[in-house]
Structure formats: structure tokens, C-alpha cells
Amino acid sequence: MKAVKKAIHDKDLAKVGAALRRAAKQARKTAERTHTPLVIYEEGRVIRKMVRKETNR
């Protein structure tokens, strides 16, 4: 299925997706560095997951 892009007319709202991705990436790095679980919302529940160091493939 092809993703459909919607035109967003509010400049600030258009940047929200990128900002959330940057925040998630930083949270993952922080959890990895401090050896603490990453708290995520998945399938209607709040879950704590330990982060494994990413390897370049």
C-alpha cells in the first residue's frame, strides 16, 4: 500500500513528525548509555524494554 501524503498548511504542525523521530532517537541513545529501559506505548500498553546496542549492518 502506498503512503498518502496530506498537505499541511500550518508550518509548525508540519515539523512535528520529524521532531518526534529526533526525540525518539535521542531517548533510545540515552536509555542505551544509562543502561535503563526505554518506556514505549505499544498495543495499548506502556512497556519497558531494554535497549541493545545497534550494530551497523
N, C-alpha and C. Protein backbone atom coordinates (compact mmCIF):
# COMPACT_ATOMS: atom_id res chain seq x y z
N MET A 1 0.84 -1.17 0.00
CA MET A 1 0.00 0.00 0.00
C MET A 1 0.89 1.24 0.00
N LYS A 2 0.58 2.19 -0.84
CA LYS A 2 1.37 3.40 -0.97
C LYS A 2 0.94 4.42 0.08
N ALA A 3 1.92 5.05 0.72
CA ALA A 3 1.62 6.06 1.73
C ALA A 3 1.07 7.30 1.05
N VAL A 4 0.04 7.88 1.66
CA VAL A 4 -0.58 9.08 1.13
C VAL A 4 -0.11 10.27 1.96
N LYS A 5 0.43 11.28 1.29
CA LYS A 5 0.86 12.48 2.00
C LYS A 5 -0.23 13.51 1.94
N LYS A 6 -0.51 14.12 3.09
CA LYS A 6 -1.51 15.17 3.16
C LYS A 6 -0.80 16.51 3.22
N ALA A 7 -1.37 17.49 2.58
CA ALA A 7 -0.80 18.84 2.62
C ALA A 7 -1.16 19.47 3.95
N ILE A 8 -0.14 19.90 4.68
CA ILE A 8 -0.34 20.55 5.98
C ILE A 8 -0.02 22.02 5.79
N HIS A 9 -0.96 22.85 6.15
CA HIS A 9 -0.82 24.28 5.91
C HIS A 9 -0.18 25.02 7.09
N ASP A 10 -0.15 24.42 8.27
CA ASP A 10 0.47 25.04 9.43
C ASP A 10 1.95 24.66 9.46
N LYS A 11 2.85 25.64 9.40
CA LYS A 11 4.29 25.37 9.34
C LYS A 11 4.78 24.59 10.55
N ASP A 12 4.30 24.95 11.74
CA ASP A 12 4.75 24.26 12.96
C ASP A 12 4.25 22.82 13.00
N LEU A 13 3.03 22.61 12.62
CA LEU A 13 2.45 21.27 12.64
C LEU A 13 3.15 20.36 11.63
N ALA A 14 3.63 20.92 10.55
CA ALA A 14 4.31 20.14 9.52
C ALA A 14 5.62 19.56 10.02
N LYS A 15 6.21 20.16 11.03
CA LYS A 15 7.52 19.73 11.55
C LYS A 15 7.41 18.77 12.73
N VAL A 16 6.21 18.46 13.18
CA VAL A 16 6.02 17.62 14.36
C VAL A 16 6.57 16.21 14.15
N GLY A 17 6.31 15.61 13.01
CA GLY A 17 6.77 14.24 12.75
C GLY A 17 8.27 14.10 12.85
N ALA A 18 8.99 15.02 12.24
CA ALA A 18 10.46 14.98 12.29
C ALA A 18 10.95 15.19 13.72
N ALA A 19 10.31 16.09 14.45
CA ALA A 19 10.71 16.35 15.83
C ALA A 19 10.49 15.12 16.71
N LEU A 20 9.39 14.41 16.51
CA LEU A 20 9.13 13.20 17.29
C LEU A 20 10.15 12.11 16.98
N ARG A 21 10.54 11.98 15.71
CA ARG A 21 11.56 10.99 15.35
C ARG A 21 12.90 11.33 16.00
N ARG A 22 13.27 12.62 16.00
CA ARG A 22 14.52 13.03 16.66
C ARG A 22 14.47 12.75 18.15
N ALA A 23 13.34 13.04 18.79
CA ALA A 23 13.19 12.81 20.23
C ALA A 23 13.28 11.31 20.55
N ALA A 24 12.67 10.48 19.72
CA ALA A 24 12.71 9.03 19.94
C ALA A 24 14.14 8.51 19.80
N LYS A 25 14.85 8.99 18.81
CA LYS A 25 16.24 8.57 18.60
C LYS A 25 17.11 8.97 19.79
N GLN A 26 16.91 10.18 20.30
CA GLN A 26 17.68 10.65 21.46
C GLN A 26 17.33 9.85 22.71
N ALA A 27 16.05 9.52 22.89
CA ALA A 27 15.62 8.73 24.05
C ALA A 27 16.26 7.35 24.01
N ARG A 28 16.32 6.74 22.82
CA ARG A 28 16.96 5.43 22.67
C ARG A 28 18.44 5.51 23.03
N LYS A 29 19.13 6.55 22.56
CA LYS A 29 20.55 6.72 22.88
C LYS A 29 20.77 6.90 24.37
N THR A 30 19.90 7.69 25.01
CA THR A 30 20.02 7.93 26.45
C THR A 30 19.79 6.64 27.24
N ALA A 31 18.78 5.87 26.86
CA ALA A 31 18.50 4.60 27.54
C ALA A 31 19.66 3.63 27.38
N GLU A 32 20.25 3.60 26.19
CA GLU A 32 21.39 2.72 25.95
C GLU A 32 22.59 3.15 26.78
N ARG A 33 22.86 4.45 26.82
CA ARG A 33 24.02 4.97 27.54
C ARG A 33 23.91 4.77 29.05
N THR A 34 22.69 4.92 29.59
CA THR A 34 22.49 4.83 31.03
C THR A 34 22.06 3.45 31.51
N HIS A 35 21.93 2.49 30.55
CA HIS A 35 21.53 1.12 30.88
C HIS A 35 20.20 1.09 31.62
N THR A 36 19.25 1.88 31.13
CA THR A 36 17.90 1.92 31.69
C THR A 36 16.91 1.51 30.61
N PRO A 37 15.74 1.03 31.00
CA PRO A 37 14.76 0.61 29.99
C PRO A 37 14.18 1.80 29.24
N LEU A 38 13.82 1.56 28.01
CA LEU A 38 13.15 2.54 27.18
C LEU A 38 11.65 2.31 27.37
N VAL A 39 10.92 3.33 27.75
CA VAL A 39 9.49 3.21 28.01
C VAL A 39 8.76 3.59 26.73
N ILE A 40 7.94 2.66 26.22
CA ILE A 40 7.21 2.90 24.98
C ILE A 40 5.74 2.52 25.16
N TYR A 41 4.90 3.04 24.30
CA TYR A 41 3.48 2.70 24.27
C TYR A 41 3.27 1.78 23.09
N GLU A 42 2.87 0.54 23.36
CA GLU A 42 2.75 -0.46 22.31
C GLU A 42 1.51 -1.31 22.55
N GLU A 43 0.68 -1.44 21.55
CA GLU A 43 -0.53 -2.26 21.63
C GLU A 43 -1.42 -1.88 22.81
N GLY A 44 -1.54 -0.58 23.06
CA GLY A 44 -2.41 -0.09 24.12
C GLY A 44 -1.86 -0.21 25.52
N ARG A 45 -0.58 -0.56 25.65
CA ARG A 45 0.03 -0.71 26.98
C ARG A 45 1.35 0.04 27.03
N VAL A 46 1.72 0.45 28.23
CA VAL A 46 3.04 1.05 28.45
C VAL A 46 4.01 -0.07 28.78
N ILE A 47 5.10 -0.15 28.03
CA ILE A 47 6.06 -1.25 28.16
C ILE A 47 7.46 -0.69 28.38
N ARG A 48 8.22 -1.35 29.24
CA ARG A 48 9.63 -1.00 29.44
C ARG A 48 10.47 -2.05 28.72
N LYS A 49 11.33 -1.61 27.81
CA LYS A 49 12.20 -2.52 27.07
C LYS A 49 13.64 -2.08 27.23
N MET A 50 14.51 -3.06 27.45
CA MET A 50 15.93 -2.75 27.49
C MET A 50 16.42 -2.55 26.05
N VAL A 51 17.30 -1.62 25.86
CA VAL A 51 17.81 -1.29 24.54
C VAL A 51 19.13 -1.99 24.32
N ARG A 52 19.23 -2.68 23.20
CA ARG A 52 20.51 -3.29 22.83
C ARG A 52 21.25 -2.35 21.90
N LYS A 53 22.55 -2.38 21.99
CA LYS A 53 23.35 -1.53 21.14
C LYS A 53 23.13 -1.90 19.68
N GLU A 54 22.86 -0.89 18.86
CA GLU A 54 22.63 -1.13 17.44
C GLU A 54 23.95 -1.41 16.76
N THR A 55 23.93 -2.37 15.86
CA THR A 55 25.13 -2.67 15.08
C THR A 55 24.88 -2.26 13.64
N ASN A 56 25.90 -1.76 12.99
CA ASN A 56 25.77 -1.38 11.57
C ASN A 56 25.82 -2.63 10.74
N ARG A 57 24.88 -2.77 9.84
CA ARG A 57 24.81 -3.97 9.00
C ARG A 57 25.44 -3.72 7.68
